[in-house]
Amino acid sequence: MTFDYPTLILIALVAINLIAFIAYAIDKYKAKHNKWRISEASLLILAAIGGSIGALTAMYTLRHKTKHPQFYIGVPVILVLQITGCLYYLFA
């Protein structure tokens, strides 16, 4: 089975968003149980490398990191930049 380039990009984006959502969920679980946490930098990096939709979805469905400005401002800004970059790539 072979995949074309757009299909591979879509698969990668779905995977990184799923990973980001799961990482936020694990961090929420660990926060509730006073366990070692995933660093904020790691969570933001997951958003920056393409997982911003998964990160934003996790933030508001799990109510996690929604009071930290670097998340409630940063993740939506990352998403807007990613969408802008994709649109520029598609139409330039």
PDB file of N, CA and C in Angstrom:
ATOM      1  N   MET A   1       0.854  -1.168   0.000  1.00  0.00           N
ATOM      2  CA  MET A   1       0.000   0.000   0.000  1.00  0.00           C
ATOM      3  C   MET A   1       0.903   1.235   0.000  1.00  0.00           C
ATOM      4  N   THR A   2       0.647   2.150  -0.918  1.00  0.00           N
ATOM      5  CA  THR A   2       1.420   3.384  -0.981  1.00  0.00           C
ATOM      6  C   THR A   2       0.513   4.569  -0.691  1.00  0.00           C
ATOM      7  N   PHE A   3       1.115   5.601  -0.111  1.00  0.00           N
ATOM      8  CA  PHE A   3       0.372   6.807   0.219  1.00  0.00           C
ATOM      9  C   PHE A   3       0.973   7.975  -0.532  1.00  0.00           C
ATOM     10  N   ASP A   4       0.122   8.876  -0.956  1.00  0.00           N
ATOM     11  CA  ASP A   4       0.634  10.085  -1.575  1.00  0.00           C
ATOM     12  C   ASP A   4       1.019  11.080  -0.476  1.00  0.00           C
ATOM     13  N   TYR A   5       1.718  12.129  -0.862  1.00  0.00           N
ATOM     14  CA  TYR A   5       2.254  13.099   0.089  1.00  0.00           C
ATOM     15  C   TYR A   5       1.176  13.738   0.970  1.00  0.00           C
ATOM     16  N   PRO A   6       0.054  14.235   0.424  1.00  0.00           N
ATOM     17  CA  PRO A   6      -0.979  14.831   1.294  1.00  0.00           C
ATOM     18  C   PRO A   6      -1.553  13.840   2.309  1.00  0.00           C
ATOM     19  N   THR A   7      -1.678  12.587   1.919  1.00  0.00           N
ATOM     20  CA  THR A   7      -2.197  11.578   2.839  1.00  0.00           C
ATOM     21  C   THR A   7      -1.222  11.350   3.990  1.00  0.00           C
ATOM     22  N   LEU A   8       0.068  11.313   3.679  1.00  0.00           N
ATOM     23  CA  LEU A   8       1.071  11.136   4.732  1.00  0.00           C
ATOM     24  C   LEU A   8       1.062  12.311   5.701  1.00  0.00           C
ATOM     25  N   ILE A   9       0.915  13.525   5.185  1.00  0.00           N
ATOM     26  CA  ILE A   9       0.846  14.702   6.052  1.00  0.00           C
ATOM     27  C   ILE A   9      -0.377  14.619   6.955  1.00  0.00           C
ATOM     28  N   LEU A  10      -1.512  14.230   6.392  1.00  0.00           N
ATOM     29  CA  LEU A  10      -2.736  14.099   7.180  1.00  0.00           C
ATOM     30  C   LEU A  10      -2.572  13.045   8.275  1.00  0.00           C
ATOM     31  N   ILE A  11      -1.978  11.916   7.947  1.00  0.00           N
ATOM     32  CA  ILE A  11      -1.752  10.865   8.939  1.00  0.00           C
ATOM     33  C   ILE A  11      -0.840  11.377  10.056  1.00  0.00           C
ATOM     34  N   ALA A  12       0.220  12.094   9.684  1.00  0.00           N
ATOM     35  CA  ALA A  12       1.144  12.640  10.680  1.00  0.00           C
ATOM     36  C   ALA A  12       0.444  13.654  11.582  1.00  0.00           C
ATOM     37  N   LEU A  13      -0.392  14.510  11.007  1.00  0.00           N
ATOM     38  CA  LEU A  13      -1.105  15.510  11.809  1.00  0.00           C
ATOM     39  C   LEU A  13      -2.101  14.862  12.765  1.00  0.00           C
ATOM     40  N   VAL A  14      -2.804  13.865  12.298  1.00  0.00           N
ATOM     41  CA  VAL A  14      -3.739  13.158  13.181  1.00  0.00           C
ATOM     42  C   VAL A  14      -2.965  12.497  14.317  1.00  0.00           C
ATOM     43  N   ALA A  15      -1.828  11.889  13.996  1.00  0.00           N
ATOM     44  CA  ALA A  15      -1.031  11.207  15.018  1.00  0.00           C
ATOM     45  C   ALA A  15      -0.501  12.192  16.062  1.00  0.00           C
ATOM     46  N   ILE A  16       0.066  13.318  15.642  1.00  0.00           N
ATOM     47  CA  ILE A  16       0.637  14.264  16.606  1.00  0.00           C
ATOM     48  C   ILE A  16      -0.464  14.910  17.448  1.00  0.00           C
ATOM     49  N   ASN A  17      -1.635  15.130  16.865  1.00  0.00           N
ATOM     50  CA  ASN A  17      -2.732  15.689  17.652  1.00  0.00           C
ATOM     51  C   ASN A  17      -3.258  14.681  18.664  1.00  0.00           C
ATOM     52  N   LEU A  18      -3.294  13.436  18.298  1.00  0.00           N
ATOM     53  CA  LEU A  18      -3.695  12.387  19.240  1.00  0.00           C
ATOM     54  C   LEU A  18      -2.670  12.266  20.370  1.00  0.00           C
ATOM     55  N   ILE A  19      -1.391  12.318  20.015  1.00  0.00           N
ATOM     56  CA  ILE A  19      -0.331  12.258  21.024  1.00  0.00           C
ATOM     57  C   ILE A  19      -0.432  13.459  21.966  1.00  0.00           C
ATOM     58  N   ALA A  20      -0.669  14.646  21.414  1.00  0.00           N
ATOM     59  CA  ALA A  20      -0.796  15.847  22.249  1.00  0.00           C
ATOM     60  C   ALA A  20      -1.976  15.718  23.206  1.00  0.00           C
ATOM     61  N   PHE A  21      -3.123  15.265  22.704  1.00  0.00           N
ATOM     62  CA  PHE A  21      -4.294  15.098  23.558  1.00  0.00           C
ATOM     63  C   PHE A  21      -3.996  14.117  24.694  1.00  0.00           C
ATOM     64  N   ILE A  22      -3.371  13.009  24.351  1.00  0.00           N
ATOM     65  CA  ILE A  22      -3.054  11.992  25.361  1.00  0.00           C
ATOM     66  C   ILE A  22      -2.058  12.538  26.380  1.00  0.00           C
ATOM     67  N   ALA A  23      -1.064  13.310  25.934  1.00  0.00           N
ATOM     68  CA  ALA A  23      -0.081  13.885  26.857  1.00  0.00           C
ATOM     69  C   ALA A  23      -0.752  14.834  27.840  1.00  0.00           C
ATOM     70  N   TYR A  24      -1.673  15.662  27.360  1.00  0.00           N
ATOM     71  CA  TYR A  24      -2.396  16.569  28.259  1.00  0.00           C
ATOM     72  C   TYR A  24      -3.257  15.771  29.235  1.00  0.00           C
ATOM     73  N   ALA A  25      -3.865  14.684  28.758  1.00  0.00           N
ATOM     74  CA  ALA A  25      -4.689  13.853  29.635  1.00  0.00           C
ATOM     75  C   ALA A  25      -3.833  13.175  30.708  1.00  0.00           C
ATOM     76  N   ILE A  26      -2.664  12.689  30.313  1.00  0.00           N
ATOM     77  CA  ILE A  26      -1.762  12.061  31.287  1.00  0.00           C
ATOM     78  C   ILE A  26      -1.308  13.084  32.317  1.00  0.00           C
ATOM     79  N   ASP A  27      -0.976  14.302  31.857  1.00  0.00           N
ATOM     80  CA  ASP A  27      -0.545  15.340  32.786  1.00  0.00           C
ATOM     81  C   ASP A  27      -1.666  15.713  33.752  1.00  0.00           C
ATOM     82  N   LYS A  28      -2.885  15.760  33.265  1.00  0.00           N
ATOM     83  CA  LYS A  28      -4.031  16.051  34.138  1.00  0.00           C
ATOM     84  C   LYS A  28      -4.175  14.955  35.202  1.00  0.00           C
ATOM     85  N   TYR A  29      -4.063  13.715  34.763  1.00  0.00           N
ATOM     86  CA  TYR A  29      -4.153  12.594  35.701  1.00  0.00           C
ATOM     87  C   TYR A  29      -3.063  12.690  36.770  1.00  0.00           C
ATOM     88  N   LYS A  30      -1.834  12.965  36.319  1.00  0.00           N
ATOM     89  CA  LYS A  30      -0.719  13.064  37.251  1.00  0.00           C
ATOM     90  C   LYS A  30      -0.880  14.245  38.198  1.00  0.00           C
ATOM     91  N   ALA A  31      -1.458  15.327  37.718  1.00  0.00           N
ATOM     92  CA  ALA A  31      -1.692  16.492  38.581  1.00  0.00           C
ATOM     93  C   ALA A  31      -2.681  16.139  39.689  1.00  0.00           C
ATOM     94  N   LYS A  32      -3.706  15.394  39.355  1.00  0.00           N
ATOM     95  CA  LYS A  32      -4.711  15.011  40.356  1.00  0.00           C
ATOM     96  C   LYS A  32      -4.156  14.032  41.387  1.00  0.00           C
ATOM     97  N   HIS A  33      -3.163  13.248  40.994  1.00  0.00           N
ATOM     98  CA  HIS A  33      -2.643  12.199  41.869  1.00  0.00           C
ATOM     99  C   HIS A  33      -1.258  12.532  42.433  1.00  0.00           C
ATOM    100  N   ASN A  34      -0.880  13.805  42.381  1.00  0.00           N
ATOM    101  CA  ASN A  34       0.397  14.270  42.938  1.00  0.00           C
ATOM    102  C   ASN A  34       1.578  13.430  42.469  1.00  0.00           C
ATOM    103  N   LYS A  35       1.648  13.178  41.184  1.00  0.00           N
ATOM    104  CA  LYS A  35       2.753  12.416  40.605  1.00  0.00           C
ATOM    105  C   LYS A  35       3.618  13.324  39.753  1.00  0.00           C
ATOM    106  N   TRP A  36       4.765  12.785  39.324  1.00  0.00           N
ATOM    107  CA  TRP A  36       5.669  13.514  38.458  1.00  0.00           C
ATOM    108  C   TRP A  36       4.913  13.934  37.200  1.00  0.00           C
ATOM    109  N   ARG A  37       5.112  15.198  36.778  1.00  0.00           N
ATOM    110  CA  ARG A  37       4.323  15.785  35.699  1.00  0.00           C
ATOM    111  C   ARG A  37       5.116  15.909  34.408  1.00  0.00           C
ATOM    112  N   ILE A  38       4.404  16.046  33.325  1.00  0.00           N
ATOM    113  CA  ILE A  38       5.006  16.370  32.033  1.00  0.00           C
ATOM    114  C   ILE A  38       5.303  17.865  32.059  1.00  0.00           C
ATOM    115  N   SER A  39       6.483  18.256  31.612  1.00  0.00           N
ATOM    116  CA  SER A  39       6.859  19.667  31.687  1.00  0.00           C
ATOM    117  C   SER A  39       5.976  20.514  30.768  1.00  0.00           C
ATOM    118  N   GLU A  40       5.771  21.765  31.183  1.00  0.00           N
ATOM    119  CA  GLU A  40       4.982  22.686  30.370  1.00  0.00           C
ATOM    120  C   GLU A  40       5.641  22.896  29.021  1.00  0.00           C
ATOM    121  N   ALA A  41       6.966  22.931  28.996  1.00  0.00           N
ATOM    122  CA  ALA A  41       7.684  23.093  27.727  1.00  0.00           C
ATOM    123  C   ALA A  41       7.365  21.936  26.773  1.00  0.00           C
ATOM    124  N   SER A  42       7.329  20.727  27.295  1.00  0.00           N
ATOM    125  CA  SER A  42       7.012  19.562  26.449  1.00  0.00           C
ATOM    126  C   SER A  42       5.601  19.647  25.892  1.00  0.00           C
ATOM    127  N   LEU A  43       4.662  20.070  26.718  1.00  0.00           N
ATOM    128  CA  LEU A  43       3.279  20.203  26.254  1.00  0.00           C
ATOM    129  C   LEU A  43       3.172  21.275  25.164  1.00  0.00           C
ATOM    130  N   LEU A  44       3.870  22.378  25.350  1.00  0.00           N
ATOM    131  CA  LEU A  44       3.840  23.444  24.340  1.00  0.00           C
ATOM    132  C   LEU A  44       4.557  23.020  23.060  1.00  0.00           C
ATOM    133  N   ILE A  45       5.626  22.253  23.186  1.00  0.00           N
ATOM    134  CA  ILE A  45       6.328  21.763  22.002  1.00  0.00           C
ATOM    135  C   ILE A  45       5.427  20.841  21.193  1.00  0.00           C
ATOM    136  N   LEU A  46       4.662  19.996  21.862  1.00  0.00           N
ATOM    137  CA  LEU A  46       3.723  19.127  21.142  1.00  0.00           C
ATOM    138  C   LEU A  46       2.732  19.958  20.334  1.00  0.00           C
ATOM    139  N   ALA A  47       2.257  21.060  20.922  1.00  0.00           N
ATOM    140  CA  ALA A  47       1.357  21.953  20.184  1.00  0.00           C
ATOM    141  C   ALA A  47       2.083  22.586  19.005  1.00  0.00           C
ATOM    142  N   ALA A  48       3.320  23.011  19.217  1.00  0.00           N
ATOM    143  CA  ALA A  48       4.071  23.729  18.184  1.00  0.00           C
ATOM    144  C   ALA A  48       4.454  22.849  17.004  1.00  0.00           C
ATOM    145  N   ILE A  49       4.653  21.567  17.224  1.00  0.00           N
ATOM    146  CA  ILE A  49       5.056  20.701  16.113  1.00  0.00           C
ATOM    147  C   ILE A  49       3.856  20.110  15.368  1.00  0.00           C
ATOM    148  N   GLY A  50       2.689  20.671  15.609  1.00  0.00           N
ATOM    149  CA  GLY A  50       1.522  20.259  14.834  1.00  0.00           C
ATOM    150  C   GLY A  50       0.358  19.758  15.659  1.00  0.00           C
ATOM    151  N   GLY A  51       0.518  19.654  16.964  1.00  0.00           N
ATOM    152  CA  GLY A  51      -0.541  19.110  17.808  1.00  0.00           C
ATOM    153  C   GLY A  51      -1.404  20.157  18.486  1.00  0.00           C
ATOM    154  N   SER A  52      -1.513  21.326  17.893  1.00  0.00           N
ATOM    155  CA  SER A  52      -2.247  22.412  18.554  1.00  0.00           C
ATOM    156  C   SER A  52      -3.748  22.134  18.671  1.00  0.00           C
ATOM    157  N   ILE A  53      -4.318  21.476  17.708  1.00  0.00           N
ATOM    158  CA  ILE A  53      -5.755  21.156  17.795  1.00  0.00           C
ATOM    159  C   ILE A  53      -5.995  20.144  18.917  1.00  0.00           C
ATOM    160  N   GLY A  54      -5.151  19.127  18.999  1.00  0.00           N
ATOM    161  CA  GLY A  54      -5.271  18.149  20.085  1.00  0.00           C
ATOM    162  C   GLY A  54      -5.028  18.780  21.439  1.00  0.00           C
ATOM    163  N   ALA A  55      -4.050  19.686  21.514  1.00  0.00           N
ATOM    164  CA  ALA A  55      -3.745  20.362  22.769  1.00  0.00           C
ATOM    165  C   ALA A  55      -4.910  21.248  23.199  1.00  0.00           C
ATOM    166  N   LEU A  56      -5.438  22.024  22.270  1.00  0.00           N
ATOM    167  CA  LEU A  56      -6.549  22.923  22.586  1.00  0.00           C
ATOM    168  C   LEU A  56      -7.799  22.132  22.972  1.00  0.00           C
ATOM    169  N   THR A  57      -8.052  21.060  22.260  1.00  0.00           N
ATOM    170  CA  THR A  57      -9.198  20.207  22.587  1.00  0.00           C
ATOM    171  C   THR A  57      -9.052  19.623  23.987  1.00  0.00           C
ATOM    172  N   ALA A  58      -7.869  19.136  24.307  1.00  0.00           N
ATOM    173  CA  ALA A  58      -7.636  18.565  25.643  1.00  0.00           C
ATOM    174  C   ALA A  58      -7.758  19.628  26.720  1.00  0.00           C
ATOM    175  N   MET A  59      -7.221  20.814  26.453  1.00  0.00           N
ATOM    176  CA  MET A  59      -7.282  21.871  27.456  1.00  0.00           C
ATOM    177  C   MET A  59      -8.711  22.156  27.885  1.00  0.00           C
ATOM    178  N   TYR A  60      -9.603  22.231  26.927  1.00  0.00           N
ATOM    179  CA  TYR A  60     -10.964  22.636  27.278  1.00  0.00           C
ATOM    180  C   TYR A  60     -11.902  21.467  27.565  1.00  0.00           C
ATOM    181  N   THR A  61     -11.631  20.281  27.049  1.00  0.00           N
ATOM    182  CA  THR A  61     -12.473  19.142  27.432  1.00  0.00           C
ATOM    183  C   THR A  61     -12.073  18.595  28.795  1.00  0.00           C
ATOM    184  N   LEU A  62     -10.772  18.658  29.106  1.00  0.00           N
ATOM    185  CA  LEU A  62     -10.285  18.141  30.384  1.00  0.00           C
ATOM    186  C   LEU A  62     -10.134  19.231  31.446  1.00  0.00           C
ATOM    187  N   ARG A  63     -10.335  20.477  31.043  1.00  0.00           N
ATOM    188  CA  ARG A  63     -10.136  21.638  31.919  1.00  0.00           C
ATOM    189  C   ARG A  63      -8.742  21.604  32.542  1.00  0.00           C
ATOM    190  N   HIS A  64      -7.753  21.555  31.660  1.00  0.00           N
ATOM    191  CA  HIS A  64      -6.365  21.446  32.109  1.00  0.00           C
ATOM    192  C   HIS A  64      -5.528  22.534  31.456  1.00  0.00           C
ATOM    193  N   LYS A  65      -4.797  23.289  32.253  1.00  0.00           N
ATOM    194  CA  LYS A  65      -3.909  24.365  31.808  1.00  0.00           C
ATOM    195  C   LYS A  65      -4.668  25.565  31.257  1.00  0.00           C
ATOM    196  N   THR A  66      -5.932  25.703  31.586  1.00  0.00           N
ATOM    197  CA  THR A  66      -6.729  26.812  31.051  1.00  0.00           C
ATOM    198  C   THR A  66      -6.551  28.113  31.829  1.00  0.00           C
ATOM    199  N   LYS A  67      -5.824  28.084  32.930  1.00  0.00           N
ATOM    200  CA  LYS A  67      -5.588  29.314  33.701  1.00  0.00           C
ATOM    201  C   LYS A  67      -4.168  29.843  33.520  1.00  0.00           C
ATOM    202  N   HIS A  68      -3.364  29.172  32.717  1.00  0.00           N
ATOM    203  CA  HIS A  68      -1.991  29.579  32.478  1.00  0.00           C
ATOM    204  C   HIS A  68      -1.920  30.353  31.156  1.00  0.00           C
ATOM    205  N   PRO A  69      -1.505  31.637  31.192  1.00  0.00           N
ATOM    206  CA  PRO A  69      -1.490  32.447  29.963  1.00  0.00           C
ATOM    207  C   PRO A  69      -0.682  31.829  28.826  1.00  0.00           C
ATOM    208  N   GLN A  70       0.433  31.171  29.148  1.00  0.00           N
ATOM    209  CA  GLN A  70       1.218  30.580  28.074  1.00  0.00           C
ATOM    210  C   GLN A  70       0.448  29.483  27.350  1.00  0.00           C
ATOM    211  N   PHE A  71      -0.607  28.967  27.974  1.00  0.00           N
ATOM    212  CA  PHE A  71      -1.441  27.959  27.329  1.00  0.00           C
ATOM    213  C   PHE A  71      -2.709  28.563  26.743  1.00  0.00           C
ATOM    214  N   TYR A  72      -3.486  29.343  27.518  1.00  0.00           N
ATOM    215  CA  TYR A  72      -4.741  29.845  26.973  1.00  0.00           C
ATOM    216  C   TYR A  72      -4.534  30.931  25.937  1.00  0.00           C
ATOM    217  N   ILE A  73      -3.345  31.524  25.886  1.00  0.00           N
ATOM    218  CA  ILE A  73      -3.016  32.449  24.799  1.00  0.00           C
ATOM    219  C   ILE A  73      -2.100  31.752  23.793  1.00  0.00           C
ATOM    220  N   GLY A  74      -1.083  31.059  24.298  1.00  0.00           N
ATOM    221  CA  GLY A  74      -0.059  30.466  23.441  1.00  0.00           C
ATOM    222  C   GLY A  74      -0.562  29.418  22.478  1.00  0.00           C
ATOM    223  N   VAL A  75      -1.363  28.476  22.947  1.00  0.00           N
ATOM    224  CA  VAL A  75      -1.824  27.394  22.074  1.00  0.00           C
ATOM    225  C   VAL A  75      -2.735  27.925  20.950  1.00  0.00           C
ATOM    226  N   PRO A  76      -3.696  28.816  21.234  1.00  0.00           N
ATOM    227  CA  PRO A  76      -4.476  29.372  20.118  1.00  0.00           C
ATOM    228  C   PRO A  76      -3.616  30.177  19.131  1.00  0.00           C
ATOM    229  N   VAL A  77      -2.611  30.901  19.634  1.00  0.00           N
ATOM    230  CA  VAL A  77      -1.719  31.642  18.734  1.00  0.00           C
ATOM    231  C   VAL A  77      -0.942  30.666  17.851  1.00  0.00           C
ATOM    232  N   ILE A  78      -0.455  29.586  18.433  1.00  0.00           N
ATOM    233  CA  ILE A  78       0.239  28.562  17.645  1.00  0.00           C
ATOM    234  C   ILE A  78      -0.687  28.011  16.572  1.00  0.00           C
ATOM    235  N   LEU A  79      -1.932  27.728  16.928  1.00  0.00           N
ATOM    236  CA  LEU A  79      -2.891  27.203  15.960  1.00  0.00           C
ATOM    237  C   LEU A  79      -3.123  28.187  14.815  1.00  0.00           C
ATOM    238  N   VAL A  80      -3.299  29.459  15.132  1.00  0.00           N
ATOM    239  CA  VAL A  80      -3.512  30.476  14.090  1.00  0.00           C
ATOM    240  C   VAL A  80      -2.288  30.558  13.177  1.00  0.00           C
ATOM    241  N   LEU A  81      -1.099  30.516  13.759  1.00  0.00           N
ATOM    242  CA  LEU A  81       0.122  30.552  12.949  1.00  0.00           C
ATOM    243  C   LEU A  81       0.224  29.323  12.044  1.00  0.00           C
ATOM    244  N   GLN A  82      -0.153  28.171  12.565  1.00  0.00           N
ATOM    245  CA  GLN A  82      -0.112  26.954  11.755  1.00  0.00           C
ATOM    246  C   GLN A  82      -1.125  27.013  10.609  1.00  0.00           C
ATOM    247  N   ILE A  83      -2.319  27.495  10.890  1.00  0.00           N
ATOM    248  CA  ILE A  83      -3.332  27.623   9.837  1.00  0.00           C
ATOM    249  C   ILE A  83      -2.878  28.630   8.794  1.00  0.00           C
ATOM    250  N   THR A  84      -2.323  29.755   9.255  1.00  0.00           N
ATOM    251  CA  THR A  84      -1.821  30.775   8.333  1.00  0.00           C
ATOM    252  C   THR A  84      -0.713  30.202   7.452  1.00  0.00           C
ATOM    253  N   GLY A  85       0.192  29.461   8.048  1.00  0.00           N
ATOM    254  CA  GLY A  85       1.271  28.838   7.285  1.00  0.00           C
ATOM    255  C   GLY A  85       0.755  27.855   6.252  1.00  0.00           C
ATOM    256  N   CYS A  86      -0.226  27.064   6.629  1.00  0.00           N
ATOM    257  CA  CYS A  86      -0.816  26.104   5.683  1.00  0.00           C
ATOM    258  C   CYS A  86      -1.503  26.820   4.530  1.00  0.00           C
ATOM    259  N   LEU A  87      -2.250  27.859   4.845  1.00  0.00           N
ATOM    260  CA  LEU A  87      -2.927  28.616   3.788  1.00  0.00           C
ATOM    261  C   LEU A  87      -1.928  29.292   2.853  1.00  0.00           C
ATOM    262  N   TYR A  88      -0.867  29.828   3.432  1.00  0.00           N
ATOM    263  CA  TYR A  88       0.172  30.453   2.609  1.00  0.00           C
ATOM    264  C   TYR A  88       0.803  29.410   1.688  1.00  0.00           C
ATOM    265  N   TYR A  89       1.104  28.238   2.236  1.00  0.00           N
ATOM    266  CA  TYR A  89       1.702  27.167   1.454  1.00  0.00           C
ATOM    267  C   TYR A  89       0.775  26.719   0.319  1.00  0.00           C
ATOM    268  N   LEU A  90      -0.510  26.624   0.615  1.00  0.00           N
ATOM    269  CA  LEU A  90      -1.471  26.162  -0.383  1.00  0.00           C
ATOM    270  C   LEU A  90      -1.722  27.163  -1.504  1.00  0.00           C
ATOM    271  N   PHE A  91      -1.713  28.453  -1.161  1.00  0.00           N
ATOM    272  CA  PHE A  91      -2.113  29.465  -2.139  1.00  0.00           C
ATOM    273  C   PHE A  91      -0.979  30.328  -2.653  1.00  0.00           C
ATOM    274  N   ALA A  92       0.233  30.128  -2.199  1.00  0.00           N
ATOM    275  CA  ALA A  92       1.359  30.949  -2.688  1.00  0.00           C
ATOM    276  C   ALA A  92       2.024  30.316  -3.876  1.00  0.00           C
TER     277      ALA A  92
END
